[in-house]
Protein backbone atom coordinates (compact mmCIF):
# COMPACT_ATOMS: atom_id res chain seq x y z
CA MET A 1 12.26 -4.90 -8.93
CA VAL A 2 9.35 -4.40 -6.58
CA ALA A 3 7.15 -4.68 -9.33
CA VAL A 4 8.67 -8.23 -9.97
CA LEU A 5 8.56 -9.37 -6.25
CA GLY A 6 4.92 -8.04 -6.05
CA ALA A 7 3.85 -10.19 -9.02
CA ILE A 8 5.56 -13.35 -7.64
CA VAL A 9 3.74 -12.72 -4.40
CA LEU A 10 0.51 -12.36 -6.06
CA LEU A 11 0.81 -15.17 -8.17
CA PHE A 12 1.59 -17.46 -5.33
CA GLN A 13 -1.51 -16.05 -3.64
CA ALA A 14 -3.61 -16.59 -6.37
CA LEU A 15 -2.39 -20.18 -7.26
CA LEU A 16 -1.82 -21.43 -3.77
CA LEU A 17 -3.83 -19.35 -1.43
CA ALA A 18 -6.90 -19.06 -3.57
CA HIS A 19 -6.76 -15.30 -2.69
CA GLY A 20 -7.08 -12.89 -5.58
CA GLY A 21 -7.02 -14.81 -8.53
CA LEU A 22 -5.51 -15.14 -11.87
CA THR A 23 -8.36 -12.97 -13.49
CA THR A 24 -7.51 -9.95 -11.33
CA LEU A 25 -3.79 -10.28 -11.22
CA GLY A 26 -3.48 -7.07 -13.15
CA ALA A 27 -5.23 -5.18 -11.18
CA ASN A 28 -4.01 -6.20 -8.17
CA GLY A 29 -0.48 -5.87 -9.50
CA MET A 30 -1.23 -2.24 -10.24
CA SER A 31 -2.37 -1.27 -6.98
CA MET A 32 -0.30 -3.37 -4.82
CA ALA A 33 2.86 -3.97 -6.70
CA VAL A 34 3.03 -0.68 -8.57
CA ILE A 35 1.39 2.20 -6.97
CA GLY A 36 1.67 1.40 -3.42
CA PRO A 37 5.57 1.02 -3.75
CA MET A 38 5.87 4.24 -5.77
CA VAL A 39 3.65 6.28 -3.32
CA GLY A 40 5.78 4.94 -0.32
CA TYR A 41 9.14 5.84 -2.24
CA LEU A 42 7.69 9.41 -2.88
CA VAL A 43 6.59 9.70 0.79
CA TRP A 44 9.98 8.54 2.19
CA LYS A 45 12.11 10.85 -0.37
CA LEU A 46 9.91 13.85 0.37
CA ALA A 47 9.98 13.34 4.28
CA CYS A 48 13.98 12.98 4.19
CA ARG A 49 13.76 16.42 1.89
CA ALA A 50 11.45 17.87 4.54
CA GLY A 51 13.50 16.93 7.39
CA ILE A 52 11.21 15.00 9.07
CA ARG A 53 12.28 12.55 12.12
CA ARG A 54 13.14 9.50 10.39
CA ASP A 55 10.78 7.26 12.44
CA VAL A 56 7.91 9.32 11.53
CA GLY A 57 9.19 9.21 7.77
CA VAL A 58 9.13 5.49 7.83
CA PHE A 59 5.69 5.36 9.88
CA LEU A 60 4.30 7.98 6.85
CA CYS A 61 6.03 5.80 4.07
CA ALA A 62 4.68 2.33 5.24
CA MET A 63 1.30 3.78 6.26
CA LEU A 64 0.49 5.98 3.02
CA ALA A 65 1.68 3.57 0.77
CA ASP A 66 -0.99 0.87 2.21
CA LEU A 67 -3.59 3.58 2.05
CA MET A 68 -3.04 4.57 -1.41
CA THR A 69 -3.45 0.60 -2.46
CA TYR A 70 -6.72 0.71 -1.00
CA PHE A 71 -7.69 3.95 -2.88
CA VAL A 72 -6.34 2.67 -6.20
CA THR A 73 -8.37 -0.62 -5.39
CA SER A 74 -11.39 1.56 -4.71
CA VAL A 75 -11.33 3.33 -8.00
CA GLN A 76 -10.77 0.04 -9.91
CA LEU A 77 -13.86 -1.38 -8.18
CA GLY A 78 -15.86 1.33 -8.48
CA VAL A 79 -15.14 1.73 -12.28
CA ALA A 80 -15.82 -2.28 -12.78
CA PHE A 81 -19.04 -2.02 -10.68
CA PRO A 82 -20.66 1.18 -10.79
CA ASP A 83 -23.66 2.08 -8.73
CA PRO A 84 -26.96 2.13 -10.89
CA ALA A 85 -28.25 5.14 -9.11
CA THR A 86 -24.84 7.44 -8.52
CA GLY A 87 -22.47 5.99 -11.36
CA ALA A 88 -19.07 5.04 -10.90
CA GLY A 89 -18.21 8.07 -8.46
CA GLY A 90 -20.70 6.76 -6.04
CA SER A 91 -19.66 3.40 -6.13
CA ILE A 92 -15.97 4.48 -5.63
CA ALA A 93 -17.01 6.28 -2.57
CA LYS A 94 -18.84 3.27 -1.07
CA PHE A 95 -15.89 0.90 -1.84
CA MET A 96 -13.67 3.79 0.02
CA GLY A 97 -15.96 3.84 2.76
CA ILE A 98 -15.89 0.07 3.21
CA PHE A 99 -12.04 -0.05 3.18
CA CYS A 100 -11.66 2.79 5.57
CA LEU A 101 -13.18 0.75 8.36
CA THR A 102 -10.95 -2.09 8.02
CA GLN A 103 -7.61 -0.43 6.35
CA ILE A 104 -7.11 2.74 8.40
CA PRO A 105 -6.39 0.64 11.69
CA ILE A 106 -4.47 -1.84 9.74
CA ALA A 107 -2.30 0.78 7.96
CA ILE A 108 -1.48 2.52 11.39
CA ALA A 109 -0.49 -0.95 12.79
CA GLU A 110 1.55 -1.76 9.80
CA GLY A 111 3.28 2.13 10.13
CA LEU A 112 4.11 1.16 13.60
CA LEU A 113 5.28 -2.41 12.99
CA THR A 114 7.50 -0.93 10.10
CA VAL A 115 9.10 1.60 12.33
CA MET A 116 9.86 -1.31 14.59
CA ILE A 117 11.36 -3.47 12.26
CA TYR A 118 13.43 -0.58 10.77
CA ASP A 119 14.64 0.80 14.11
CA GLN A 120 15.79 -3.15 14.95
CA LEU A 121 17.46 -3.26 11.46
CA THR A 122 19.46 0.17 11.75
CA LYS A 123 20.40 -0.78 15.16
CA ARG A 124 22.00 -4.15 14.32
CA ARG A 125 23.47 -2.54 11.09
CA LEU A 126 21.70 -4.78 8.83
CA ILE A 127 20.68 -1.95 6.93
CA ALA A 128 22.01 1.71 6.77
CA ALA A 129 19.92 4.55 8.00
CA GLU A 130 19.98 6.41 5.02
CA GLY A 131 18.03 9.61 4.15
CA HIS A 132 18.31 11.36 7.48
């Protein structure tokens, strides 16, 4: 279901906002609508099993899902545009370095915002506080 919703959002971005584009829909879908949510789900399940506090688990889930999206995007871009001197590996490292500058602060902010939203939703009993 998450992949379908992600595909709809990406299609909306490509068609109405000119962000991403139709030719990159498959790559964007894999990184943002499949891998990112899958990592978030796995991190949440591991945090629950490890007995990590709920707020820390929610933070890690959101932050690591965001970062994994950009890790996958770095690999995709590195393979598509290999560096003439260092090849795909060097290009992947360069893309990761560029993404780290912008995406680590955003991932931290996204993690904190997700914790605040999750806390409000559970306090108002709009969602069940599952897992802990």
